[in-house]
Amino acid sequence: MTLVDRYVFWLFAKVFAICFASIAGLFVVIHLFTNFDDLLRIPDRNSELPGLLASFYGPRLLDFFDRSACVLTLIAASFALAMMQRNRELIAIESAGICRQRLLRPVLAAALIVGAIAVWNRENWIPQYREQLVRTVQTWKDDKQKLTYFQKDHRTGLLIKGNSLDLKNNVMEDPIVQIPLHVSRSVNRIAGRSGIFFPASPERAAGLLVQQMDDMKLGRDALDLSDGERTIVYFPENNAWLQSGQCYVVTSLTAEDLAFGERLSEYASLSELVQGSSRPAQWYSRGARIAIHNRLVRPLLEFALLVIALPLVLSQSENHLWRAVLAALSVIIGCQGLVYLTTTLGTMGWIPSAALAAWFPLFVMLPLTPWTLRLMRK
């Protein structure tokens, strides 16, 4: 790495650190003062406020870095190159026989480092704190969650809901299980007074033990329900390990899934998303499949965004730096808008392939890179 490379690299690093610290600090300050009263009301935490703030805002800063790394990288690179241009440093560099395209090398190297950190953060650090990330200040220490909507088990097609859920003990009040037609045409609903979630064990699969069932909905001689491949619902008439008034519903949903819904999948790692794609296609949503492809294409899309935007910055003269900033913002808005549009169309089924919906923005952006590089040579 030459002296010029080190200078541009550290200039980029300083601008990136300042931008991230400023915007992240502004986010924390605004959120803190907006919710400070609620933070003080958290039980048994008034004497440990610094620890509470660290546990609450630490994971959110990781999520903030994941969401803003691409934009901050482009902003930092644009400002670093624009500062060199405004200070006439580019003239000195070009007079030494170094072309402007050569300055992209340390910037792109720094962008690759930031992108690698973002990928590691997304796949290893954020999934460890997803339970904290889906909680708000109001529900930070509230182990009892109100349940409003049915949650769908995509593996079996079951719909599960309850009145409330005790996350500490994995106990649900008034559980209701809707049975799909492919499982049973005679039993379409199971209700009880309480339910307990059990993890998988050598004896049985993970599931929900419904207690004090409503016998009026089932009848006395109910048989175990199966989807054709395995048993989904066990009744006490055929299983001695169940007591009268109980039934066991096999489900991959956990208490956290019912409490927080699909918000947990936003912070799942790629391996977890791919593992979920092995579920039957008729129960696995198109949006979830597009999310897997979006996770794969995201680093490439962010790098292509830099390759397109940075030559637009270097092609501007020092008297028109506002054009550089406007060009960078236009590229960001256009790229994010295209990603949102194709994802929405793919989820609605207007784009038939989930892979095409996720990779189409990259196919649109790649042909633009030769044009922007040629523009910088002019």
Protein backbone atom coordinates (compact mmCIF):
# COMPACT_ATOMS: atom_id res chain seq x y z
CA MET A 1 0.00 0.00 0.00
CA THR A 2 1.50 3.32 -1.11
CA LEU A 3 1.51 6.60 0.81
CA VAL A 4 -1.43 7.90 -1.23
CA ASP A 5 -3.39 4.71 -0.56
CA ARG A 6 -2.81 5.00 3.19
CA TYR A 7 -3.80 8.67 3.16
CA VAL A 8 -7.07 8.05 1.30
CA PHE A 9 -7.82 4.96 3.42
CA TRP A 10 -7.42 6.76 6.74
CA LEU A 11 -9.30 9.79 5.47
CA PHE A 12 -12.20 7.51 4.58
CA ALA A 13 -11.98 5.75 7.97
CA LYS A 14 -12.09 9.04 9.88
CA VAL A 15 -15.06 10.36 7.92
CA PHE A 16 -16.91 7.05 8.30
CA ALA A 17 -16.30 6.96 12.06
CA ILE A 18 -17.46 10.55 12.47
CA CYS A 19 -20.60 9.97 10.39
CA PHE A 20 -21.54 6.79 12.24
CA ALA A 21 -20.86 8.27 15.68
CA SER A 22 -22.83 11.40 14.86
CA ILE A 23 -25.91 9.71 13.39
CA ALA A 24 -25.93 6.83 15.90
CA GLY A 25 -25.46 9.25 18.79
CA LEU A 26 -28.31 11.40 17.50
CA PHE A 27 -30.52 8.30 17.27
CA VAL A 28 -29.70 7.25 20.85
CA VAL A 29 -30.21 10.74 22.29
CA ILE A 30 -33.58 11.26 20.58
CA HIS A 31 -34.83 7.78 21.48
CA LEU A 32 -33.54 8.07 25.05
CA PHE A 33 -35.21 11.38 25.83
CA THR A 34 -38.42 10.24 24.15
CA ASN A 35 -38.63 7.07 26.28
CA PHE A 36 -36.70 8.08 29.40
CA ASP A 37 -39.75 7.92 31.68
CA ASP A 38 -40.56 4.41 30.50
CA LEU A 39 -36.97 3.32 31.10
CA LEU A 40 -37.14 4.53 34.68
CA ARG A 41 -40.34 2.55 35.25
CA ILE A 42 -38.70 -0.78 34.46
CA PRO A 43 -38.86 -2.78 37.73
CA ASP A 44 -35.69 -3.19 39.82
CA ARG A 45 -33.61 -1.28 37.28
CA ASN A 46 -33.57 2.26 38.64
CA SER A 47 -30.26 1.59 40.44
CA GLU A 48 -28.67 0.03 37.32
CA LEU A 49 -29.48 2.57 34.65
CA PRO A 50 -26.08 2.42 32.85
CA GLY A 51 -26.34 -1.37 32.55
CA LEU A 52 -29.92 -1.08 31.32
CA LEU A 53 -28.94 1.47 28.66
CA ALA A 54 -26.06 -0.73 27.51
CA SER A 55 -28.25 -3.84 27.23
CA PHE A 56 -31.02 -1.93 25.46
CA TYR A 57 -29.05 0.25 23.03
CA GLY A 58 -26.10 -2.09 22.41
CA PRO A 59 -28.03 -4.50 20.15
CA ARG A 60 -29.83 -1.57 18.52
CA LEU A 61 -26.53 0.01 17.54
CA LEU A 62 -25.54 -3.28 15.89
CA ASP A 63 -28.84 -3.24 13.98
CA PHE A 64 -28.33 0.45 13.13
CA PHE A 65 -24.89 -0.33 11.71
CA ASP A 66 -26.34 -3.15 9.62
CA ARG A 67 -29.03 -0.92 8.14
CA SER A 68 -26.83 2.13 7.55
CA ALA A 69 -23.43 0.64 6.63
CA CYS A 70 -23.96 0.92 2.87
CA VAL A 71 -25.27 4.49 3.01
CA LEU A 72 -22.56 5.61 5.45
CA THR A 73 -19.86 4.00 3.29
CA LEU A 74 -21.06 5.90 0.24
CA ILE A 75 -21.36 9.15 2.21
CA ALA A 76 -17.89 8.73 3.75
CA ALA A 77 -16.30 7.90 0.40
CA SER A 78 -18.04 10.82 -1.30
CA PHE A 79 -17.01 13.29 1.40
CA ALA A 80 -13.43 12.02 1.51
CA LEU A 81 -12.97 12.36 -2.25
CA ALA A 82 -14.86 15.68 -2.32
CA MET A 83 -12.62 17.07 0.45
CA MET A 84 -9.52 16.08 -1.49
CA GLN A 85 -10.95 17.74 -4.57
CA ARG A 86 -11.92 20.91 -2.73
CA ASN A 87 -8.47 21.21 -1.13
CA ARG A 88 -6.87 20.82 -4.58
CA GLU A 89 -5.13 17.64 -3.44
CA LEU A 90 -6.29 15.84 -6.56
CA ILE A 91 -4.33 18.33 -8.68
CA ALA A 92 -1.13 17.48 -6.81
CA ILE A 93 -1.84 13.77 -7.11
CA GLU A 94 -2.53 14.00 -10.85
CA SER A 95 0.60 16.09 -11.37
CA ALA A 96 2.57 13.21 -9.84
CA GLY A 97 1.27 10.96 -12.61
CA ILE A 98 -1.47 9.25 -10.56
CA CYS A 99 -4.84 9.12 -12.30
CA ARG A 100 -8.12 9.66 -10.52
CA GLN A 101 -9.24 6.10 -11.10
CA ARG A 102 -6.28 4.99 -8.98
CA LEU A 103 -7.87 6.70 -5.95
CA LEU A 104 -10.79 4.31 -6.10
CA ARG A 105 -8.57 1.40 -5.06
CA PRO A 106 -8.14 2.33 -1.35
CA VAL A 107 -11.75 3.50 -1.13
CA LEU A 108 -13.08 0.24 -2.53
CA ALA A 109 -10.73 -1.71 -0.25
CA ALA A 110 -12.09 0.17 2.76
CA ALA A 111 -15.64 -0.43 1.53
CA LEU A 112 -14.94 -4.16 1.29
CA ILE A 113 -13.71 -4.16 4.90
CA VAL A 114 -16.85 -2.35 6.06
CA GLY A 115 -18.98 -4.76 4.03
CA ALA A 116 -17.24 -7.79 5.56
CA ILE A 117 -17.83 -6.41 9.06
CA ALA A 118 -21.48 -5.77 8.18
CA VAL A 119 -21.93 -9.35 6.91
CA TRP A 120 -20.31 -10.78 10.05
CA ASN A 121 -22.47 -8.54 12.21
CA ARG A 122 -25.61 -9.58 10.31
CA GLU A 123 -24.91 -13.32 10.46
CA ASN A 124 -23.32 -13.73 13.90
CA TRP A 125 -23.90 -10.83 16.29
CA ILE A 126 -27.44 -9.65 15.52
CA PRO A 127 -29.07 -13.15 15.74
CA GLN A 128 -27.75 -13.44 19.30
CA TYR A 129 -29.74 -10.35 20.37
CA ARG A 130 -32.91 -10.73 18.31
CA GLU A 131 -35.11 -11.21 21.37
CA GLN A 132 -33.88 -7.85 22.72
CA LEU A 133 -34.33 -6.22 19.32
CA VAL A 134 -37.99 -7.20 18.96
CA ARG A 135 -38.82 -5.81 22.41
CA THR A 136 -39.69 -2.17 23.01
CA VAL A 137 -39.09 -0.07 26.08
CA GLN A 138 -42.64 -0.77 27.23
CA THR A 139 -42.20 -4.57 26.91
CA TRP A 140 -38.52 -4.82 27.87
CA LYS A 141 -39.13 -6.71 31.13
CA ASP A 142 -42.74 -7.71 30.51
CA ASP A 143 -42.74 -11.51 30.40
CA LYS A 144 -46.50 -11.60 29.79
CA GLN A 145 -47.36 -10.71 26.22
CA LYS A 146 -50.82 -10.06 24.83
CA LEU A 147 -51.58 -12.07 21.68
CA THR A 148 -53.78 -10.50 19.02
CA TYR A 149 -53.26 -12.43 15.80
CA PHE A 150 -52.97 -16.06 14.78
CA GLN A 151 -49.46 -17.23 13.95
CA LYS A 152 -49.04 -19.81 11.20
CA ASP A 153 -46.86 -22.86 11.49
CA HIS A 154 -45.58 -23.06 7.91
CA ARG A 155 -44.49 -26.67 8.36
CA THR A 156 -47.93 -28.05 9.23
CA GLY A 157 -50.34 -25.26 8.30
CA LEU A 158 -51.67 -24.92 11.86
CA LEU A 159 -52.86 -21.52 13.10
CA ILE A 160 -52.18 -20.90 16.80
CA LYS A 161 -53.34 -18.06 19.01
CA GLY A 162 -54.02 -17.35 22.66
CA ASN A 163 -55.17 -14.65 25.00
CA SER A 164 -51.79 -14.00 26.63
CA LEU A 165 -48.39 -15.64 26.86
CA ASP A 166 -45.99 -15.96 29.80
CA LEU A 167 -42.57 -16.02 28.14
CA LYS A 168 -40.76 -16.83 31.36
CA ASN A 169 -42.63 -20.10 31.88
CA ASN A 170 -43.71 -20.73 28.23
CA VAL A 171 -47.35 -20.85 29.33
CA MET A 172 -50.24 -19.63 27.16
CA GLU A 173 -53.70 -18.70 28.39
CA ASP A 174 -56.75 -19.79 26.41
CA PRO A 175 -54.90 -21.40 23.48
CA ILE A 176 -56.75 -21.88 20.21
CA VAL A 177 -55.45 -24.14 17.42
CA GLN A 178 -57.06 -23.99 13.98
CA ILE A 179 -56.70 -27.28 12.08
CA PRO A 180 -56.35 -27.03 8.25
CA LEU A 181 -58.50 -29.17 5.97
CA HIS A 182 -55.60 -31.29 4.73
CA VAL A 183 -55.12 -32.54 8.31
CA SER A 184 -58.76 -33.11 9.33
CA ARG A 185 -62.20 -32.35 7.97
CA SER A 186 -64.03 -33.27 11.17
CA VAL A 187 -61.94 -31.39 13.72
CA ASN A 188 -61.26 -27.81 12.72
CA ARG A 189 -60.57 -26.21 16.07
CA ILE A 190 -58.97 -27.12 19.41
CA ALA A 191 -59.39 -24.83 22.41
CA GLY A 192 -58.30 -25.06 26.03
CA ARG A 193 -57.81 -23.10 29.22
CA SER A 194 -54.01 -23.21 29.18
CA GLY A 195 -51.12 -24.47 27.11
CA ILE A 196 -47.45 -25.20 27.74
CA PHE A 197 -44.70 -25.16 25.09
CA PHE A 198 -42.23 -28.04 25.25
CA PRO A 199 -38.94 -28.32 23.34
CA ALA A 200 -38.05 -31.35 21.27
CA SER A 201 -37.00 -34.45 23.21
CA PRO A 202 -36.15 -38.09 22.35
CA GLU A 203 -39.73 -39.07 23.26
CA ARG A 204 -41.63 -36.53 21.18
CA ALA A 205 -41.27 -33.55 18.85
CA ALA A 206 -41.50 -29.95 20.01
CA GLY A 207 -45.05 -28.80 20.51
CA LEU A 208 -47.84 -27.30 22.60
CA LEU A 209 -49.59 -29.22 25.38
CA VAL A 210 -53.19 -27.98 25.50
CA GLN A 211 -54.86 -28.52 28.88
CA GLN A 212 -58.51 -28.43 29.96
CA MET A 213 -59.76 -28.80 26.42
CA ASP A 214 -63.23 -27.84 25.29
CA ASP A 215 -64.70 -31.34 24.84
CA MET A 216 -67.73 -29.97 23.02
CA LYS A 217 -65.53 -29.26 20.00
CA LEU A 218 -63.91 -32.70 19.78
CA GLY A 219 -66.09 -35.56 20.90
CA ARG A 220 -65.08 -38.47 23.10
CA ASP A 221 -63.45 -40.83 20.59
CA ALA A 222 -61.17 -38.42 18.78
CA LEU A 223 -58.36 -40.10 16.85
CA ASP A 224 -54.87 -38.69 16.43
CA LEU A 225 -54.63 -36.26 13.51
CA SER A 226 -52.00 -36.64 10.80
CA ASP A 227 -51.04 -34.77 7.65
CA GLY A 228 -50.27 -38.02 5.85
CA GLU A 229 -46.58 -38.10 6.81
CA ARG A 230 -46.58 -37.79 10.59
CA THR A 231 -48.91 -37.31 13.53
CA ILE A 232 -49.61 -33.67 14.33
CA VAL A 233 -52.19 -33.83 17.13
CA TYR A 234 -52.17 -36.49 19.87
CA PHE A 235 -55.29 -37.18 22.00
CA PRO A 236 -55.38 -38.99 25.37
CA GLU A 237 -57.60 -41.82 24.05
CA ASN A 238 -54.63 -43.22 22.11
CA ASN A 239 -51.69 -42.04 24.23
CA ALA A 240 -51.23 -43.05 27.85
CA TRP A 241 -48.78 -40.22 28.55
CA LEU A 242 -51.62 -37.70 28.13
CA GLN A 243 -54.16 -37.09 30.84
CA SER A 244 -57.87 -36.60 30.32
CA GLY A 245 -58.64 -33.18 28.91
CA GLN A 246 -55.20 -32.79 27.34
CA CYS A 247 -53.88 -32.97 23.81
CA TYR A 248 -50.44 -32.47 22.33
CA VAL A 249 -50.02 -30.36 19.18
CA VAL A 250 -46.77 -30.79 17.28
CA THR A 251 -45.55 -27.38 16.09
CA SER A 252 -42.25 -25.73 15.26
CA LEU A 253 -43.53 -22.44 16.66
CA THR A 254 -42.07 -21.35 19.98
CA ALA A 255 -43.40 -18.98 22.61
CA GLU A 256 -41.18 -16.23 21.17
CA ASP A 257 -42.58 -16.84 17.69
CA LEU A 258 -46.13 -16.32 18.94
CA ALA A 259 -45.19 -13.25 20.96
CA PHE A 260 -43.14 -11.46 18.32
CA GLY A 261 -44.24 -13.03 15.03
CA GLU A 262 -42.24 -12.53 11.86
CA ARG A 263 -40.17 -9.78 13.45
CA LEU A 264 -37.82 -12.49 14.73
CA SER A 265 -37.05 -13.60 11.17
CA GLU A 266 -35.79 -10.09 10.36
CA TYR A 267 -32.83 -10.77 12.67
CA ALA A 268 -32.26 -14.41 11.72
CA SER A 269 -29.01 -15.52 10.13
CA LEU A 270 -28.81 -16.72 6.54
CA SER A 271 -28.32 -20.32 7.67
CA GLU A 272 -31.52 -20.13 9.70
CA LEU A 273 -33.41 -18.68 6.75
CA VAL A 274 -32.10 -21.40 4.44
CA GLN A 275 -33.01 -24.07 6.98
CA GLY A 276 -36.53 -22.68 7.05
CA SER A 277 -36.77 -22.94 3.27
CA SER A 278 -36.84 -26.73 3.57
CA ARG A 279 -40.44 -26.47 4.74
CA PRO A 280 -43.18 -27.42 2.29
CA ALA A 281 -43.56 -24.85 -0.48
CA GLN A 282 -47.32 -24.50 -0.01
CA TRP A 283 -46.73 -23.24 3.55
CA TYR A 284 -43.53 -21.23 2.99
CA SER A 285 -44.28 -17.70 1.83
CA ARG A 286 -42.75 -16.08 -1.25
CA GLY A 287 -41.59 -13.17 0.87
CA ALA A 288 -39.47 -15.51 2.97
CA ARG A 289 -37.84 -17.00 -0.13
CA ILE A 290 -37.15 -13.53 -1.52
CA ALA A 291 -35.57 -12.59 1.83
CA ILE A 292 -33.03 -15.40 1.39
CA HIS A 293 -32.02 -14.18 -2.06
CA ASN A 294 -31.95 -10.57 -0.83
CA ARG A 295 -29.52 -11.61 1.89
CA LEU A 296 -27.27 -13.23 -0.72
CA VAL A 297 -27.35 -10.38 -3.22
CA ARG A 298 -27.09 -7.55 -0.70
CA PRO A 299 -23.23 -7.39 -0.45
CA LEU A 300 -22.92 -7.45 -4.25
CA LEU A 301 -25.59 -4.79 -4.62
CA GLU A 302 -23.90 -2.52 -2.10
CA PHE A 303 -20.54 -2.87 -3.82
CA ALA A 304 -22.09 -2.13 -7.23
CA LEU A 305 -23.71 0.94 -5.71
CA LEU A 306 -20.28 2.24 -4.69
CA VAL A 307 -18.76 1.52 -8.10
CA ILE A 308 -21.54 3.51 -9.75
CA ALA A 309 -21.67 6.45 -7.33
CA LEU A 310 -17.98 7.16 -6.68
CA PRO A 311 -17.05 7.94 -10.31
CA LEU A 312 -19.95 10.42 -10.36
CA VAL A 313 -18.34 12.17 -7.38
CA LEU A 314 -14.85 12.26 -8.92
CA SER A 315 -16.18 13.52 -12.24
CA GLN A 316 -17.41 16.78 -10.68
CA SER A 317 -15.24 19.86 -10.40
CA GLU A 318 -14.41 21.47 -7.07
CA ASN A 319 -16.91 24.27 -7.80
CA HIS A 320 -19.82 21.87 -8.14
CA LEU A 321 -19.46 19.59 -5.12
CA TRP A 322 -23.18 19.88 -4.49
CA ARG A 323 -23.66 17.95 -7.70
CA ALA A 324 -21.54 15.13 -6.26
CA VAL A 325 -23.66 14.94 -3.13
CA LEU A 326 -26.86 15.09 -5.18
CA ALA A 327 -25.60 12.37 -7.51
CA ALA A 328 -24.72 10.08 -4.58
CA LEU A 329 -28.11 10.61 -2.97
CA SER A 330 -29.88 9.98 -6.27
CA VAL A 331 -28.05 6.68 -6.71
CA ILE A 332 -28.95 5.59 -3.18
CA ILE A 333 -32.62 6.51 -3.53
CA GLY A 334 -32.87 4.93 -6.97
CA CYS A 335 -31.25 1.68 -5.86
CA GLN A 336 -33.31 1.35 -2.67
CA GLY A 337 -36.48 2.20 -4.57
CA LEU A 338 -35.75 -0.45 -7.19
CA VAL A 339 -35.07 -3.08 -4.51
CA TYR A 340 -38.30 -2.21 -2.71
CA LEU A 341 -40.28 -2.30 -5.96
CA THR A 342 -38.98 -5.69 -7.10
CA THR A 343 -39.39 -7.19 -3.62
CA THR A 344 -42.99 -5.98 -3.43
CA LEU A 345 -43.80 -7.25 -6.91
CA GLY A 346 -42.19 -10.58 -6.14
CA THR A 347 -44.11 -10.96 -2.88
CA MET A 348 -47.37 -10.20 -4.70
CA GLY A 349 -46.54 -12.78 -7.37
CA TRP A 350 -46.21 -10.34 -10.27
CA ILE A 351 -42.58 -11.47 -10.65
CA PRO A 352 -42.86 -15.27 -10.89
CA SER A 353 -39.41 -16.16 -9.56
CA ALA A 354 -38.17 -15.23 -6.08
CA ALA A 355 -34.59 -15.27 -7.35
CA LEU A 356 -35.43 -12.88 -10.21
CA ALA A 357 -37.20 -10.48 -7.82
CA ALA A 358 -34.09 -10.27 -5.62
CA TRP A 359 -31.37 -10.27 -8.29
CA PHE A 360 -33.06 -8.02 -10.85
CA PRO A 361 -31.76 -4.73 -9.31
CA LEU A 362 -28.19 -6.03 -9.62
CA PHE A 363 -28.75 -6.89 -13.28
CA VAL A 364 -29.98 -3.33 -13.84
CA MET A 365 -27.05 -1.69 -12.03
CA LEU A 366 -24.16 -3.68 -13.50
CA PRO A 367 -24.48 -2.21 -17.04
CA LEU A 368 -24.24 1.29 -15.53
CA THR A 369 -20.72 0.79 -14.13
CA PRO A 370 -18.85 1.12 -17.47
CA TRP A 371 -20.75 4.34 -18.19
CA THR A 372 -19.84 5.93 -14.85
CA LEU A 373 -16.18 4.89 -15.16
CA ARG A 374 -16.06 6.37 -18.66
CA LEU A 375 -17.67 9.56 -17.34
CA MET A 376 -14.85 9.92 -14.79
CA ARG A 377 -12.17 9.64 -17.51
CA LYS A 378 -13.71 12.62 -19.28
